[in-house]
Amino acid sequence: MSSLEHEMSEELTATQRSTVKRLPQRAEYERQVIYQILDEGLVCHVGFVVDGQPFVIPTAYGRVGDKLYIHGSPASRMLRSLSNGIEVCVTVTLLDGLVLARSAFHHSMNYRSVVIFGTAIIVENPEEKLEALLAFTEHVIPGRWAEVRSPSRQELQGTLVLSLPLNEVSAKVRTGDPNDDEADYDLPVWAGVVPLQLTAAAPIADSRLQPGISLPAYVQNYTRVCDR
């Protein structure tokens, strides 16, 4: 088995924090499942506490192997706080459908979510920092990095990058039909799933786009759906 195959088949050890306690049958600890959810998502929510005040901040992210990267201005309160070595909880959620049951009580949603616990550290190595910035760009739209101008030295110095190891992680997944009470299956009420999916509309060119620049295929065919 190659190292990549081993990575993709490895099951993470659940910790006290990462163990799914509510509906544990929906828990997933396989790296492959976790990575697919992270790679399809676009926004994570970063939870942390500073001086007793909890914060939850949405931000973009990128993944390289078993590390999650977030970045921004060194003036960011979130990044400044996290760079001091405080504990963090990061979540990513994909909404796959609305589950309409025959009773109001059993309505639900089909979803895939990931929860990550750990301590973020500053990325000091210039090569790793550049790799992380590449990962951010390619995570949002694959193929883009090769066409755009690379970050300048000043831009790199003005960007703080933090990495979070994907060690204490779990996923939770709901799929399928409503779970109605047995007596409710005879009710004359439509029940089922309304599938949901993030889709891209037609691209809108920049008003200052130079003439003759064609629309790249990776933009025209953009999608967030990963194989699953």
Protein backbone atom coordinates (compact mmCIF):
# COMPACT_ATOMS: atom_id res chain seq x y z
CA MET A 1 0.00 0.00 0.00
CA SER A 2 1.37 3.42 -0.96
CA SER A 3 1.64 6.26 1.57
CA LEU A 4 -1.22 8.06 -0.19
CA GLU A 5 -3.45 4.97 -0.05
CA HIS A 6 -2.58 4.53 3.61
CA GLU A 7 -3.43 8.18 4.31
CA MET A 8 -6.77 7.91 2.54
CA SER A 9 -7.78 4.71 4.31
CA GLU A 10 -6.57 5.60 7.81
CA GLU A 11 -9.15 5.91 10.55
CA LEU A 12 -8.50 8.60 13.12
CA THR A 13 -8.59 7.71 16.79
CA ALA A 14 -11.55 9.40 18.45
CA THR A 15 -10.66 11.46 21.50
CA GLN A 16 -12.90 12.60 24.33
CA ARG A 17 -13.49 15.86 22.47
CA SER A 18 -13.86 14.48 18.95
CA THR A 19 -16.12 11.53 19.79
CA VAL A 20 -19.60 12.10 18.39
CA LYS A 21 -22.00 11.63 21.29
CA ARG A 22 -25.35 12.65 19.79
CA LEU A 23 -26.44 10.04 17.18
CA PRO A 24 -23.06 8.29 17.15
CA GLN A 25 -24.16 6.04 14.28
CA ARG A 26 -23.69 9.06 12.02
CA ALA A 27 -20.07 9.53 13.07
CA GLU A 28 -17.21 9.12 10.59
CA TYR A 29 -13.56 8.96 11.56
CA GLU A 30 -12.07 7.91 8.21
CA ARG A 31 -9.60 10.43 6.84
CA GLN A 32 -10.97 9.96 3.32
CA VAL A 33 -14.47 11.01 4.40
CA ILE A 34 -13.15 13.95 6.41
CA TYR A 35 -10.86 15.16 3.63
CA GLN A 36 -13.63 14.96 1.00
CA ILE A 37 -15.88 17.15 3.12
CA LEU A 38 -13.11 19.67 3.75
CA ASP A 39 -12.13 19.72 0.07
CA GLU A 40 -15.70 20.37 -1.07
CA GLY A 41 -16.43 23.11 1.46
CA LEU A 42 -15.46 26.74 1.01
CA VAL A 43 -15.92 28.36 4.41
CA CYS A 44 -15.00 27.18 7.89
CA HIS A 45 -16.09 28.66 11.21
CA VAL A 46 -13.30 29.18 13.73
CA GLY A 47 -14.33 29.15 17.39
CA PHE A 48 -12.04 30.44 20.15
CA VAL A 49 -12.19 32.24 23.49
CA VAL A 50 -10.31 35.42 24.44
CA ASP A 51 -10.56 36.79 27.99
CA GLY A 52 -13.69 34.74 28.60
CA GLN A 53 -15.44 36.04 25.48
CA PRO A 54 -16.26 33.38 22.86
CA PHE A 55 -15.91 34.22 19.16
CA VAL A 56 -16.91 32.26 16.05
CA ILE A 57 -15.48 33.71 12.84
CA PRO A 58 -16.18 32.49 9.28
CA THR A 59 -13.15 32.37 7.01
CA ALA A 60 -11.73 30.63 3.96
CA TYR A 61 -9.26 27.79 4.33
CA GLY A 62 -7.07 25.35 2.46
CA ARG A 63 -5.85 21.84 3.14
CA VAL A 64 -2.48 20.28 2.39
CA GLY A 65 -2.19 16.68 3.54
CA ASP A 66 -3.03 16.45 7.23
CA LYS A 67 -2.95 20.21 7.88
CA LEU A 68 -5.64 22.86 7.58
CA TYR A 69 -4.45 26.39 6.81
CA ILE A 70 -6.12 29.71 7.47
CA HIS A 71 -4.69 33.10 6.61
CA GLY A 72 -5.28 36.83 6.72
CA SER A 73 -3.90 40.13 7.93
CA PRO A 74 -1.57 40.11 10.94
CA ALA A 75 -3.93 42.77 12.35
CA SER A 76 -6.79 40.25 12.48
CA ARG A 77 -7.93 39.67 16.07
CA MET A 78 -8.68 36.05 15.25
CA LEU A 79 -5.25 35.34 13.79
CA ARG A 80 -3.44 37.29 16.50
CA SER A 81 -5.32 35.37 19.18
CA LEU A 82 -4.77 31.98 17.57
CA SER A 83 -1.07 32.68 17.03
CA ASN A 84 -0.69 32.89 20.81
CA GLY A 85 -1.33 29.15 21.06
CA ILE A 86 -4.93 29.12 22.31
CA GLU A 87 -7.23 26.16 21.72
CA VAL A 88 -9.46 26.36 18.68
CA CYS A 89 -12.48 24.53 17.31
CA VAL A 90 -13.03 24.66 13.53
CA THR A 91 -16.18 23.44 11.79
CA VAL A 92 -17.17 22.91 8.15
CA THR A 93 -20.71 21.98 7.08
CA LEU A 94 -22.14 20.95 3.71
CA LEU A 95 -25.93 21.00 3.37
CA ASP A 96 -27.13 18.27 1.01
CA GLY A 97 -30.91 18.37 1.40
CA LEU A 98 -34.03 19.29 3.33
CA VAL A 99 -35.69 16.24 4.87
CA LEU A 100 -39.46 16.70 4.99
CA ALA A 101 -41.20 14.30 7.33
CA ARG A 102 -44.88 13.67 7.92
CA SER A 103 -44.63 15.28 11.34
CA ALA A 104 -43.10 18.63 12.22
CA PHE A 105 -40.99 16.95 14.90
CA HIS A 106 -39.09 14.67 12.51
CA HIS A 107 -38.13 17.26 9.89
CA SER A 108 -34.37 17.29 9.42
CA MET A 109 -31.55 17.99 6.97
CA ASN A 110 -29.11 15.80 5.12
CA TYR A 111 -25.62 17.11 5.76
CA ARG A 112 -21.92 16.35 6.03
CA SER A 113 -19.94 18.14 8.72
CA VAL A 114 -16.45 18.14 10.20
CA VAL A 115 -15.31 19.33 13.62
CA ILE A 116 -11.61 19.93 14.30
CA PHE A 117 -9.97 20.54 17.68
CA GLY A 118 -6.42 21.66 18.25
CA THR A 119 -3.93 24.48 18.56
CA ALA A 120 -2.94 26.51 15.50
CA ILE A 121 0.66 27.54 14.95
CA ILE A 122 2.22 30.27 12.80
CA VAL A 123 3.76 29.09 9.54
CA GLU A 124 7.26 30.57 9.53
CA ASN A 125 8.84 28.53 6.73
CA PRO A 126 8.60 30.56 3.49
CA GLU A 127 8.15 27.47 1.32
CA GLU A 128 5.34 26.10 3.48
CA LYS A 129 3.73 29.53 3.59
CA LEU A 130 3.74 29.77 -0.20
CA GLU A 131 2.41 26.22 -0.45
CA ALA A 132 -0.41 27.17 1.90
CA LEU A 133 -1.31 30.24 -0.18
CA LEU A 134 -1.33 28.08 -3.28
CA ALA A 135 -3.64 25.67 -1.47
CA PHE A 136 -6.03 28.51 -0.57
CA THR A 137 -6.29 29.58 -4.20
CA GLU A 138 -6.58 26.08 -5.64
CA HIS A 139 -9.14 25.15 -2.97
CA VAL A 140 -11.41 27.96 -4.10
CA ILE A 141 -10.92 27.43 -7.84
CA PRO A 142 -8.54 24.75 -9.15
CA GLY A 143 -6.30 25.90 -11.99
CA ARG A 144 -6.23 29.55 -10.97
CA TRP A 145 -2.78 29.72 -9.36
CA ALA A 146 -0.96 28.91 -12.60
CA GLU A 147 -2.50 31.92 -14.38
CA VAL A 148 -2.32 34.71 -11.83
CA ARG A 149 0.57 36.79 -10.51
CA SER A 150 2.31 35.14 -7.58
CA PRO A 151 2.38 36.99 -4.23
CA SER A 152 5.12 39.59 -3.93
CA ARG A 153 7.58 39.59 -1.03
CA GLN A 154 5.66 42.48 0.54
CA GLU A 155 2.36 40.61 0.18
CA LEU A 156 3.87 37.51 1.75
CA GLN A 157 5.21 39.54 4.67
CA GLY A 158 1.78 41.14 5.10
CA THR A 159 -0.01 37.80 5.30
CA LEU A 160 -0.19 35.67 8.44
CA VAL A 161 -0.69 31.96 7.83
CA LEU A 162 -1.64 29.49 10.56
CA SER A 163 -1.70 25.71 10.35
CA LEU A 164 -3.90 23.35 12.32
CA PRO A 165 -3.06 19.62 12.40
CA LEU A 166 -5.91 17.32 11.38
CA ASN A 167 -5.39 14.88 14.24
CA GLU A 168 -8.34 15.43 16.57
CA VAL A 169 -11.16 15.39 14.04
CA SER A 170 -14.52 13.77 13.43
CA ALA A 171 -17.19 13.96 10.76
CA LYS A 172 -20.93 13.52 11.05
CA VAL A 173 -23.15 12.58 8.12
CA ARG A 174 -26.90 12.25 7.63
CA THR A 175 -28.35 10.79 4.44
CA GLY A 176 -31.60 9.24 3.33
CA ASP A 177 -35.32 9.54 3.97
CA PRO A 178 -37.27 10.98 6.88
CA ASN A 179 -37.50 8.85 10.01
CA ASP A 180 -41.19 9.10 10.85
CA ASP A 181 -43.06 7.44 13.67
CA GLU A 182 -44.60 4.23 12.37
CA ALA A 183 -48.15 5.50 12.87
CA ASP A 184 -47.45 8.62 10.80
CA TYR A 185 -46.60 6.71 7.59
CA ASP A 186 -50.34 6.46 6.86
CA LEU A 187 -50.83 10.25 6.98
CA PRO A 188 -51.82 11.87 3.63
CA VAL A 189 -48.78 14.17 3.73
CA TRP A 190 -46.00 14.35 1.12
CA ALA A 191 -42.65 13.34 2.59
CA GLY A 192 -39.19 13.06 1.12
CA VAL A 193 -35.99 14.99 0.46
CA VAL A 194 -35.38 18.26 -1.36
CA PRO A 195 -31.77 17.92 -2.56
CA LEU A 196 -29.60 21.03 -2.26
CA GLN A 197 -26.33 21.80 -4.02
CA LEU A 198 -24.05 24.81 -4.32
CA THR A 199 -23.96 25.73 -8.00
CA ALA A 200 -22.24 28.50 -9.94
CA ALA A 201 -24.13 30.99 -12.08
CA ALA A 202 -22.74 32.39 -15.35
CA PRO A 203 -19.40 34.18 -14.79
CA ILE A 204 -19.45 38.00 -14.95
CA ALA A 205 -16.37 39.58 -16.51
CA ASP A 206 -14.56 42.40 -14.72
CA SER A 207 -15.53 45.79 -16.17
CA ARG A 208 -11.83 46.50 -16.78
CA LEU A 209 -11.01 43.15 -18.39
CA GLN A 210 -8.67 43.60 -21.34
CA PRO A 211 -10.15 42.76 -24.77
CA GLY A 212 -9.41 39.35 -26.20
CA ILE A 213 -9.05 37.50 -22.89
CA SER A 214 -11.15 34.35 -23.10
CA LEU A 215 -13.03 32.71 -20.26
CA PRO A 216 -10.91 29.87 -18.76
CA ALA A 217 -12.45 26.41 -18.83
CA TYR A 218 -11.97 26.03 -15.08
CA VAL A 219 -14.21 29.10 -14.60
CA GLN A 220 -16.79 28.15 -17.20
CA ASN A 221 -17.11 24.62 -15.78
CA TYR A 222 -16.79 25.55 -12.10
CA THR A 223 -18.37 23.21 -9.57
CA ARG A 224 -18.03 22.43 -5.85
CA VAL A 225 -19.31 18.88 -6.06
CA CYS A 226 -16.68 16.27 -5.19
CA ASP A 227 -16.98 12.54 -5.83
CA ARG A 228 -18.65 10.82 -2.93
